[in-house]
Structure formats: C-alpha cells, structure tokens
Protein backbone atom coordinates (compact mmCIF):
# COMPACT_ATOMS: atom_id res chain seq x y z
CA UNK A 1 0.62 -21.79 -11.12
CA UNK A 2 -0.02 -18.16 -10.21
CA UNK A 3 3.07 -16.05 -9.52
CA UNK A 4 1.16 -13.59 -7.37
CA UNK A 5 1.12 -13.85 -3.59
CA UNK A 6 -1.86 -15.89 -2.44
CA UNK A 7 -2.61 -13.48 0.41
CA UNK A 8 -2.62 -10.61 -2.08
CA UNK A 9 -5.00 -12.46 -4.39
CA UNK A 10 -7.56 -12.94 -1.59
CA UNK A 11 -6.77 -9.53 -0.01
CA UNK A 12 -5.82 -11.12 3.32
CA UNK A 13 -3.34 -10.37 6.05
CA UNK A 14 -0.88 -13.16 6.80
CA UNK A 15 -2.42 -13.73 10.25
CA UNK A 16 -5.95 -14.27 8.87
CA UNK A 17 -7.86 -17.11 10.55
CA UNK A 18 -9.53 -19.99 8.58
CA UNK A 19 -12.94 -18.29 8.65
CA UNK A 20 -11.41 -15.12 7.20
CA UNK A 21 -9.81 -17.17 4.43
CA UNK A 22 -13.10 -18.79 3.51
CA UNK A 23 -14.96 -15.46 3.57
CA UNK A 24 -12.30 -13.83 1.41
CA UNK A 25 -12.53 -16.62 -1.14
CA UNK A 26 -16.31 -16.38 -1.22
CA UNK A 27 -16.01 -12.65 -1.88
CA UNK A 28 -13.51 -13.15 -4.69
CA UNK A 29 -15.50 -16.02 -6.21
CA UNK A 30 -18.66 -13.91 -6.26
CA UNK A 31 -16.80 -11.00 -7.83
CA UNK A 32 -15.23 -13.01 -10.65
CA UNK A 33 -17.89 -15.72 -11.05
CA UNK A 34 -18.48 -16.64 -14.74
CA UNK A 35 -22.22 -15.98 -14.45
CA UNK A 36 -21.45 -12.39 -13.47
CA UNK A 37 -18.72 -11.94 -16.06
CA UNK A 38 -19.83 -13.74 -19.24
CA UNK A 39 -17.17 -13.99 -21.96
CA UNK A 40 -14.67 -12.16 -19.76
CA UNK A 41 -11.33 -13.98 -20.00
CA UNK A 42 -9.64 -11.74 -17.43
CA UNK A 43 -12.36 -12.43 -14.84
CA UNK A 44 -12.14 -16.15 -15.63
CA UNK A 45 -8.40 -16.14 -14.91
CA UNK A 46 -8.98 -14.23 -11.67
CA UNK A 47 -11.62 -16.81 -10.73
CA UNK A 48 -9.12 -19.64 -11.28
CA UNK A 49 -6.39 -17.73 -9.47
CA UNK A 50 -8.60 -17.23 -6.41
CA UNK A 51 -9.41 -20.97 -6.37
CA UNK A 52 -5.71 -21.80 -6.45
CA UNK A 53 -5.02 -19.41 -3.56
CA UNK A 54 -7.84 -20.88 -1.50
CA UNK A 55 -6.70 -24.43 -2.21
CA UNK A 56 -3.39 -23.60 -0.49
CA UNK A 57 -4.43 -21.11 2.22
CA UNK A 58 -7.52 -23.13 3.11
CA UNK A 59 -5.40 -26.18 3.99
CA UNK A 60 -3.38 -25.84 7.25
CA UNK A 61 -0.45 -28.00 6.06
CA UNK A 62 -0.17 -26.37 2.65
CA UNK A 63 -0.48 -22.92 4.19
CA UNK A 64 2.28 -23.69 6.71
CA UNK A 65 4.65 -24.69 3.92
CA UNK A 66 3.65 -21.71 1.79
CA UNK A 67 4.27 -19.32 4.70
CA UNK A 68 7.73 -20.84 5.16
CA UNK A 69 8.90 -21.39 1.58
CA UNK A 70 6.51 -19.43 -0.62
CA UNK A 71 5.67 -20.73 -4.11
CA UNK A 72 8.87 -22.79 -4.21
CA UNK A 73 7.52 -24.98 -1.42
CA UNK A 74 4.44 -25.98 -3.40
CA UNK A 75 4.36 -29.22 -5.39
CA UNK A 76 2.58 -28.90 -8.77
CA UNK A 77 -0.34 -31.29 -9.05
CA UNK A 78 -0.27 -32.13 -5.35
CA UNK A 79 -0.58 -28.78 -3.60
CA UNK A 80 -2.42 -26.93 -6.35
CA UNK A 81 -4.16 -27.92 -9.57
CA UNK A 82 -3.71 -24.85 -11.73
CA UNK A 83 -7.34 -25.23 -12.80
CA UNK A 84 -7.78 -25.27 -16.56
CA UNK A 85 -11.51 -26.06 -16.39
CA UNK A 86 -13.82 -23.92 -14.26
CA UNK A 87 -16.07 -26.91 -13.67
CA UNK A 88 -13.18 -28.56 -11.79
CA UNK A 89 -13.30 -25.65 -9.35
CA UNK A 90 -17.01 -26.20 -8.71
CA UNK A 91 -16.33 -29.90 -8.18
CA UNK A 92 -13.36 -29.39 -5.85
CA UNK A 93 -15.07 -26.81 -3.66
CA UNK A 94 -18.66 -28.10 -3.63
CA UNK A 95 -18.91 -27.20 0.07
CA UNK A 96 -18.30 -23.57 -0.85
CA UNK A 97 -20.49 -23.34 -3.94
CA UNK A 98 -23.49 -25.50 -2.95
CA UNK A 99 -25.70 -26.99 -5.64
CA UNK A 100 -29.03 -25.41 -6.42
CA UNK A 101 -32.04 -23.90 -4.68
CA UNK A 102 -31.83 -24.45 -0.95
CA UNK A 103 -28.08 -24.60 -0.37
CA UNK A 104 -24.75 -22.90 -1.02
CA UNK A 105 -23.46 -19.37 -0.70
CA UNK A 106 -24.49 -18.42 -4.25
CA UNK A 107 -28.23 -19.02 -3.75
CA UNK A 108 -29.03 -15.33 -3.31
CA UNK A 109 -26.87 -14.22 -6.21
CA UNK A 110 -27.12 -16.93 -8.82
CA UNK A 111 -30.26 -18.67 -7.57
CA UNK A 112 -29.11 -21.78 -6.14
CA UNK A 113 -25.51 -22.56 -6.46
CA UNK A 114 -22.57 -21.32 -8.42
CA UNK A 115 -21.28 -24.79 -9.09
CA UNK A 116 -23.09 -27.01 -11.48
CA UNK A 117 -20.55 -29.79 -11.65
CA UNK A 118 -19.70 -30.99 -15.11
CA UNK A 119 -19.93 -34.74 -15.53
CA UNK A 120 -16.53 -35.93 -16.60
CA UNK A 121 -15.81 -37.97 -19.67
CA UNK A 122 -14.72 -41.52 -18.92
CA UNK A 123 -13.01 -44.07 -21.09
CA UNK A 124 -15.58 -46.04 -23.09
CA UNK A 125 -18.04 -43.12 -23.05
CA UNK A 126 -18.54 -40.33 -25.54
CA UNK A 127 -18.07 -36.62 -25.08
CA UNK A 128 -20.16 -35.06 -22.31
CA UNK A 129 -23.16 -32.97 -23.39
CA UNK A 130 -23.58 -29.26 -22.72
CA UNK A 131 -25.93 -27.52 -20.29
CA UNK A 132 -29.09 -25.76 -21.47
CA UNK A 133 -30.76 -22.69 -20.01
CA UNK A 134 -34.45 -21.82 -20.21
CA UNK A 135 -36.39 -18.99 -18.59
CA UNK A 136 -39.65 -19.73 -16.80
CA UNK A 137 -42.11 -16.89 -16.12
CA UNK A 138 -44.20 -17.12 -12.95
CA UNK A 139 -46.78 -14.84 -11.39
CA UNK A 140 -46.87 -14.07 -7.66
CA UNK A 141 -49.70 -16.50 -6.99
CA UNK A 142 -47.64 -19.34 -8.45
CA UNK A 143 -44.58 -18.23 -6.48
CA UNK A 144 -46.59 -18.10 -3.25
CA UNK A 145 -48.06 -21.59 -3.59
CA UNK A 146 -45.40 -23.44 -5.59
CA UNK A 147 -46.29 -24.94 -8.93
CA UNK A 148 -45.49 -27.73 -11.36
CA UNK A 149 -44.93 -26.60 -14.93
CA UNK A 150 -44.52 -28.46 -18.19
CA UNK A 151 -41.96 -26.92 -20.53
CA UNK A 152 -40.97 -27.80 -24.08
CA UNK A 153 -37.32 -27.66 -25.07
CA UNK A 154 -35.23 -28.56 -28.11
CA UNK A 155 -32.15 -30.58 -27.22
CA UNK A 156 -29.83 -33.31 -28.44
CA UNK A 157 -31.43 -36.71 -27.81
CA UNK A 158 -30.29 -40.29 -28.36
CA UNK A 159 -30.49 -41.43 -31.96
CA UNK A 160 -33.07 -44.20 -32.41
CA UNK A 161 -31.12 -45.62 -35.34
CA UNK A 162 -28.11 -46.59 -33.23
CA UNK A 163 -29.45 -46.26 -29.66
CA UNK A 164 -26.93 -43.50 -29.04
CA UNK A 165 -23.76 -45.44 -29.90
CA UNK A 166 -23.05 -43.69 -33.21
CA UNK A 167 -22.32 -47.04 -34.86
CA UNK A 168 -24.33 -48.33 -37.81
CA UNK A 169 -27.03 -50.83 -36.85
CA UNK A 170 -25.54 -54.32 -36.71
CA UNK A 171 -22.05 -53.00 -35.94
CA UNK A 172 -20.41 -51.79 -32.77
CA UNK A 173 -17.65 -49.48 -31.61
CA UNK A 174 -14.16 -50.94 -31.49
CA UNK A 175 -11.51 -50.46 -28.87
CA UNK A 176 -8.99 -47.77 -29.75
CA UNK A 177 -5.64 -49.40 -30.48
CA UNK A 178 -3.66 -46.25 -29.73
CA UNK A 179 -4.66 -46.18 -26.04
CA UNK A 180 -6.02 -49.73 -25.64
CA UNK A 181 -9.37 -48.35 -24.55
CA UNK A 182 -8.09 -46.20 -21.68
CA UNK A 183 -8.68 -42.89 -23.45
CA UNK A 184 -5.23 -41.71 -22.30
CA UNK A 185 -1.73 -41.99 -23.69
CA UNK A 186 1.31 -42.17 -21.41
CA UNK A 187 4.60 -40.66 -22.52
CA UNK A 188 7.78 -41.59 -20.64
CA UNK A 189 10.90 -39.47 -20.91
CA UNK A 190 14.21 -39.65 -19.12
CA UNK A 191 16.62 -36.95 -18.06
CA UNK A 192 19.47 -36.51 -15.63
CA UNK A 193 16.84 -35.87 -12.95
CA UNK A 194 15.13 -39.20 -13.49
CA UNK A 195 12.11 -40.59 -15.31
CA UNK A 196 9.09 -38.38 -16.07
CA UNK A 197 5.65 -39.64 -17.07
CA UNK A 198 3.11 -37.40 -18.76
CA UNK A 199 -0.47 -38.44 -19.49
CA UNK A 200 -2.45 -36.85 -22.32
CA UNK A 201 -5.86 -37.44 -23.90
CA UNK A 202 -5.69 -39.90 -26.78
CA UNK A 203 -6.01 -37.95 -30.03
CA UNK A 204 -7.25 -40.96 -32.02
CA UNK A 205 -10.43 -41.43 -29.97
CA UNK A 206 -10.61 -38.02 -28.23
CA UNK A 207 -10.41 -39.74 -24.87
CA UNK A 208 -13.42 -41.99 -25.45
CA UNK A 209 -11.45 -45.24 -25.62
CA UNK A 210 -13.69 -46.44 -28.47
CA UNK A 211 -13.79 -45.67 -32.19
CA UNK A 212 -16.77 -45.82 -34.56
CA UNK A 213 -15.68 -47.48 -37.80
CA UNK A 214 -19.10 -47.72 -39.50
CA UNK A 215 -21.10 -44.61 -38.74
CA UNK A 216 -24.87 -44.59 -38.26
CA UNK A 217 -26.36 -42.82 -41.32
CA UNK A 218 -29.18 -41.26 -39.26
CA UNK A 219 -26.85 -39.26 -37.00
CA UNK A 220 -23.55 -39.35 -38.94
CA UNK A 221 -21.89 -41.18 -36.10
CA UNK A 222 -22.74 -38.67 -33.37
CA UNK A 223 -25.17 -40.96 -31.59
CA UNK A 224 -27.61 -38.09 -31.12
CA UNK A 225 -30.16 -36.03 -33.04
CA UNK A 226 -32.05 -32.80 -32.40
CA UNK A 227 -35.55 -33.27 -30.99
CA UNK A 228 -38.27 -31.72 -28.84
CA UNK A 229 -38.96 -32.87 -25.28
CA UNK A 230 -41.59 -32.02 -22.67
CA UNK A 231 -40.21 -31.84 -19.14
CA UNK A 232 -41.97 -31.33 -15.80
CA UNK A 233 -40.49 -28.75 -13.44
CA UNK A 234 -41.49 -28.68 -9.77
CA UNK A 235 -41.05 -25.10 -8.54
CA UNK A 236 -40.99 -24.71 -4.74
CA UNK A 237 -42.87 -21.87 -3.07
CA UNK A 238 -40.85 -18.74 -2.32
CA UNK A 239 -38.54 -18.54 -5.35
CA UNK A 240 -37.35 -15.15 -6.58
CA UNK A 241 -36.31 -13.52 -9.82
CA UNK A 242 -32.96 -14.96 -10.90
CA UNK A 243 -33.15 -18.19 -8.87
CA UNK A 244 -32.60 -21.25 -10.98
CA UNK A 245 -33.52 -24.90 -10.64
CA UNK A 246 -30.92 -27.36 -11.97
CA UNK A 247 -32.37 -30.48 -13.55
CA UNK A 248 -29.52 -32.95 -13.65
CA UNK A 249 -29.06 -34.87 -16.89
CA UNK A 250 -31.86 -33.02 -18.70
CA UNK A 251 -29.58 -30.96 -20.95
CA UNK A 252 -28.00 -31.93 -24.25
CA UNK A 253 -27.00 -35.57 -24.59
CA UNK A 254 -23.31 -36.08 -25.23
CA UNK A 255 -21.89 -37.62 -28.38
CA UNK A 256 -21.79 -41.41 -28.75
CA UNK A 257 -23.28 -42.25 -25.38
CA UNK A 258 -21.61 -39.44 -23.46
CA UNK A 259 -23.42 -38.18 -20.33
CA UNK A 260 -26.05 -35.47 -20.73
CA UNK A 261 -25.59 -31.94 -19.42
CA UNK A 262 -27.98 -30.19 -17.08
CA UNK A 263 -31.04 -28.07 -17.75
CA UNK A 264 -31.02 -24.82 -15.80
CA UNK A 265 -34.53 -23.38 -15.34
CA UNK A 266 -34.10 -19.68 -14.55
CA UNK A 267 -37.00 -18.02 -12.73
CA UNK A 268 -38.52 -14.81 -14.08
CA UNK A 269 -41.12 -12.96 -12.00
CA UNK A 270 -44.00 -11.37 -13.89
CA UNK A 271 -45.16 -7.91 -12.74
CA UNK A 272 -48.40 -8.19 -10.77
CA UNK A 273 -51.35 -5.89 -11.53
CA UNK A 274 -52.21 -5.45 -7.83
CA UNK A 275 -49.30 -6.44 -5.58
CA UNK A 276 -45.72 -5.19 -5.28
CA UNK A 277 -43.18 -7.61 -3.83
CA UNK A 278 -40.63 -6.66 -1.16
CA UNK A 279 -38.72 -9.82 -0.29
CA UNK A 280 -41.29 -12.18 1.21
CA UNK A 281 -43.74 -9.34 1.92
CA UNK A 282 -46.25 -7.98 -0.59
CA UNK A 283 -47.71 -4.48 -0.70
CA UNK A 284 -51.29 -3.62 -1.72
CA UNK A 285 -52.57 -0.08 -2.28
CA UNK A 286 -56.19 0.04 -1.11
CA UNK A 287 -58.67 2.81 -2.03
CA UNK A 288 -61.09 3.50 0.83
CA UNK A 289 -64.11 5.82 0.69
CA UNK A 290 -64.06 8.75 3.11
CA UNK A 291 -67.05 7.49 5.13
CA UNK A 292 -65.34 4.10 5.58
CA UNK A 293 -62.15 5.74 6.80
CA UNK A 294 -64.05 8.05 9.15
CA UNK A 295 -66.58 5.58 10.54
CA UNK A 296 -64.60 2.36 10.24
CA UNK A 297 -65.47 -0.64 8.10
CA UNK A 298 -64.67 -4.25 7.27
CA UNK A 299 -63.62 -4.59 3.65
CA UNK A 300 -63.03 -7.65 1.49
CA UNK A 301 -59.64 -7.41 -0.22
CA UNK A 302 -57.53 -9.67 -2.45
CA UNK A 303 -54.61 -11.74 -1.16
CA UNK A 304 -52.29 -14.16 -2.94
CA UNK A 305 -54.48 -17.00 -1.67
CA UNK A 306 -57.95 -15.59 -2.39
CA UNK A 307 -60.16 -13.05 -0.63
CA UNK A 308 -59.83 -11.94 3.02
CA UNK A 309 -61.59 -9.48 5.33
CA UNK A 310 -59.68 -6.43 6.57
CA UNK A 311 -60.82 -4.22 9.44
CA UNK A 312 -60.53 -0.47 8.98
CA UNK A 313 -60.59 1.33 12.32
CA UNK A 314 -62.62 4.57 12.69
CA UNK A 315 -60.49 7.62 11.93
CA UNK A 316 -57.97 5.76 9.76
CA UNK A 317 -55.74 8.29 7.99
CA UNK A 318 -54.76 8.15 4.35
CA UNK A 319 -51.29 6.59 4.05
CA UNK A 320 -51.63 4.33 7.07
CA UNK A 321 -50.18 0.85 6.54
CA UNK A 322 -51.97 -2.19 7.94
CA UNK A 323 -50.19 -5.53 8.30
CA UNK A 324 -51.81 -8.89 7.61
CA UNK A 325 -49.60 -11.52 9.21
CA UNK A 326 -48.32 -14.40 7.04
CA UNK A 327 -50.42 -13.41 4.03
CA UNK A 328 -47.31 -12.84 1.93
CA UNK A 329 -44.90 -15.26 0.24
CA UNK A 330 -43.55 -18.33 2.06
CA UNK A 331 -39.82 -18.30 2.74
CA UNK A 332 -37.83 -20.54 0.41
CA UNK A 333 -36.51 -22.44 3.45
CA UNK A 334 -40.10 -23.18 4.48
CA UNK A 335 -39.77 -21.75 7.97
CA UNK A 336 -42.32 -18.94 7.77
CA UNK A 337 -44.18 -16.63 5.42
CA UNK A 338 -44.03 -12.92 4.79
CA UNK A 339 -46.83 -10.45 5.47
CA UNK A 340 -49.26 -8.55 3.29
CA UNK A 341 -48.96 -4.81 3.83
CA UNK A 342 -52.03 -2.76 2.96
CA UNK A 343 -51.53 0.96 2.39
CA UNK A 344 -54.78 2.84 2.92
CA UNK A 345 -55.54 5.65 0.45
CA UNK A 346 -58.66 7.70 1.17
CA UNK A 347 -60.48 8.26 -2.09
CA UNK A 348 -61.85 11.73 -2.84
CA UNK A 349 -64.72 11.95 -5.36
CA UNK A 350 -64.10 14.23 -8.34
CA UNK A 351 -67.75 14.82 -9.30
CA UNK A 352 -70.49 15.83 -6.90
CA UNK A 353 -74.16 16.60 -7.37
CA UNK A 354 -75.58 19.91 -6.11
CA UNK A 355 -77.18 18.10 -3.17
CA UNK A 356 -73.91 16.33 -2.25
CA UNK A 357 -72.01 19.61 -2.37
CA UNK A 358 -74.58 21.21 -0.08
CA UNK A 359 -74.28 18.39 2.47
CA UNK A 360 -70.49 18.57 2.48
CA UNK A 361 -70.58 22.34 2.91
CA UNK A 362 -72.73 21.87 6.00
CA UNK A 363 -70.34 19.22 7.38
CA UNK A 364 -67.37 21.48 6.70
CA UNK A 365 -68.78 23.96 9.21
CA UNK A 366 -68.28 21.41 12.00
CA UNK A 367 -65.03 21.67 13.97
CA UNK A 368 -64.58 17.90 13.71
CA UNK A 369 -64.02 18.23 9.96
CA UNK A 370 -61.11 20.65 10.23
CA UNK A 371 -57.57 19.67 11.34
CA UNK A 372 -56.39 21.29 14.52
CA UNK A 373 -52.90 22.44 15.48
CA UNK A 374 -50.87 19.40 16.54
CA UNK A 375 -52.93 16.90 14.54
CA UNK A 376 -50.81 14.52 12.43
CA UNK A 377 -51.78 12.29 9.58
CA UNK A 378 -50.18 9.05 8.44
CA UNK A 379 -48.15 11.14 6.01
CA UNK A 380 -46.37 13.04 8.77
CA UNK A 381 -42.59 12.63 8.87
CA UNK A 382 -42.72 11.00 12.28
CA UNK A 383 -45.39 8.40 11.60
CA UNK A 384 -45.37 7.60 7.88
CA UNK A 385 -41.71 7.66 6.89
CA UNK A 386 -40.52 5.98 10.07
CA UNK A 387 -43.13 3.27 9.47
CA UNK A 388 -41.89 2.72 5.92
CA UNK A 389 -38.31 2.53 7.18
CA UNK A 390 -39.16 -0.17 9.70
CA UNK A 391 -41.56 -2.19 7.54
CA UNK A 392 -38.91 -4.07 5.59
CA UNK A 393 -36.26 -4.33 8.32
C-alpha cells in the first residue's frame, strides 16, 4: 500500500470531480507506462502507485472513506490490491486502457491499447507463455488500402512427442499431493486477534496443480519446443507508425499446456519516394513547365490508388497548393479519408538553345512577363505561409 496521499499521486485537488480523476489517471498512466519506460523500476512503481490511487479515488464509496479516515480507513485486499503484477492493472482497468487498434485511450500513443491482459495460470494448467513482438514494414499504398501479410516467426510450440503435456508418451501428469491439485497452499495461524489465513502458490508444482513424474525426452518435460510458424496478419487501412495489432494466443506457448502469450505486430511505415504523409493527408511536390503554369493544363499525376487527372488553372504560381479531396489515407475509424495536397513547383530549364534564348528575350520585353508593384506569388507571406498553417488544421 502506498504511503503517499492519493490526491498528491494523481496531482488532484480534493474537490476534483470523477471526470477529473479519470483524466488525471490517464495522464499518469501514459507518463509512467512500461512501454514508454522500459526497464525502469522507478517508473513501474509509479505506474502501480497511480493505479492504486485511481482504484480508491475512482470509486465513490472508497473515496468517501479515504477522505474521512485516510489510509487507515482502507482495507487491504478489499479497497486496494497493491498491484504486484502490471498485467493485473491492465485487467482491472480494461475500460481505461482499451485493447488494440480501434479502442482505448492508448491507441494514439502505443498503437492500440496499453493493456494486453496476461492470461492467468490456473490449477491443472502449466505456466503461461510470454508475448512476442515483431515489426511489420508497410508502404503508403498498403496503408491506404489495407493489406493481409504473411509473416514467419520463431516461437515455442506444442511438443509433438507429448502433445504439450510434458509427460513421456504413455504416461500422464499426476495430481500434486502438496496442494491436492489446487495449485495453492493455505496456511492458518492464530493470534490474540483471531484466525488468519494466507494463501500462497504451491512450491511443489509451481501453482500448476499437476506434476510430471516421467518427462518427455523430446522436450525435457516442458511440453513445448522451438519452431517456425507462418501467420496471417490482416492490417486495416489507416494504420500509422507505432500502431500495433495484438494477435491473441499467437505468442509463445506456455510450459506443460499453459496458455500461449500474444503476438504484437508493430507497424513500421516505409519512407515513400513520392509522397510525404501528414496524418491522413499526403503531400506531393509536382514539377510543372512554365507554359503549363501560364496557359493552364490538365496533368496526369500519381495518387495512392493509381493515376488521376489534375487541372492546373492559367496563371498558377509556383508554390500554390491544390487539394484533391479524399485522395489521401482512410481514417482508421473508417469514417472518412484524408486529402492529397499537390504543391506546384514551376520548373525552369537550365539549358537553352540560341533560338530558345532569342524567343525568351523577345517575350521578356512584354509587360505581361514582368511582375508589377502589388503582385503577389504563392510564396508571399500572406498567401503561402497562411495556407500551410491552415492545411493541416
């Protein structure tokens, strides 16, 4: 149990409303989340401490008692858990953490949920397997349309020699006599205050409730072996760098029939040779010949979904940005799509023949080919930079 004031932990005033409490916990959970602070014991303790504070302040009855009596009014095990395992926090507050792409407050930060709930070990089952992480590179075209990928991974799989039990073929696991198959041992003690019962994991069977007497020689009693698997991953349109897709039960198999962990497919976005991504919008720099910019033209340009025609109005200035509606990347929620922004750059030839130079010199004598006082191009402070500022709002 934390000795610090719960309001201090979440940086709250004592008159904070329930929404403020939830927002404060979200802020603290994001700050000290294990994915943001790998191998940081201090951050891990702060993460647990924030969960304990929210467990009390987020419950009206517990908060009322805490406000009246402080820590002394809290009952260990009933009013707070004192979380030893971070996965218990994810499980307890699943409404806060969400669970993968499409839900939860951590989608934007951790790609789909801060809480991948650990499957718990049960009596009669082996130790739970661990999660695996793999990075999947995608180009913008794949992100825009969604894609199904096949990936190869090495993971712990069920041993064929014992079908995952860990026991030698022809034998079976036996019930642990120390805990009678429950996986737990109860200790009763008495004092002047009464009878106390403590429950601990059985050390003889490590909480499994079963013991392997004759081990399978193929896996040395683990019930699993290393192997290669091919897995299909359905990637929805609109994902971003850092999003991840949790594939439940596709991680490492646990020992002796224990449940498998999850496979976390982390999205990596490959740089595109033509487009630059800004959220759901994409930017394309387009070179346009001077005659096309001056006279106007219709030009075929690339998009994420093939070719499209773009109209260039007569007198288009270099730096002008044209918007092609819904030619960008679909939103992950499926409601709409971003736009393709085309920045026009008027191309100036670097080599001219004698005849071409002569023609241009004649054109330069015309007043229409010289800027006049008050004329502004797309690069002017008023037009260009204000347009850029508003494009991604």
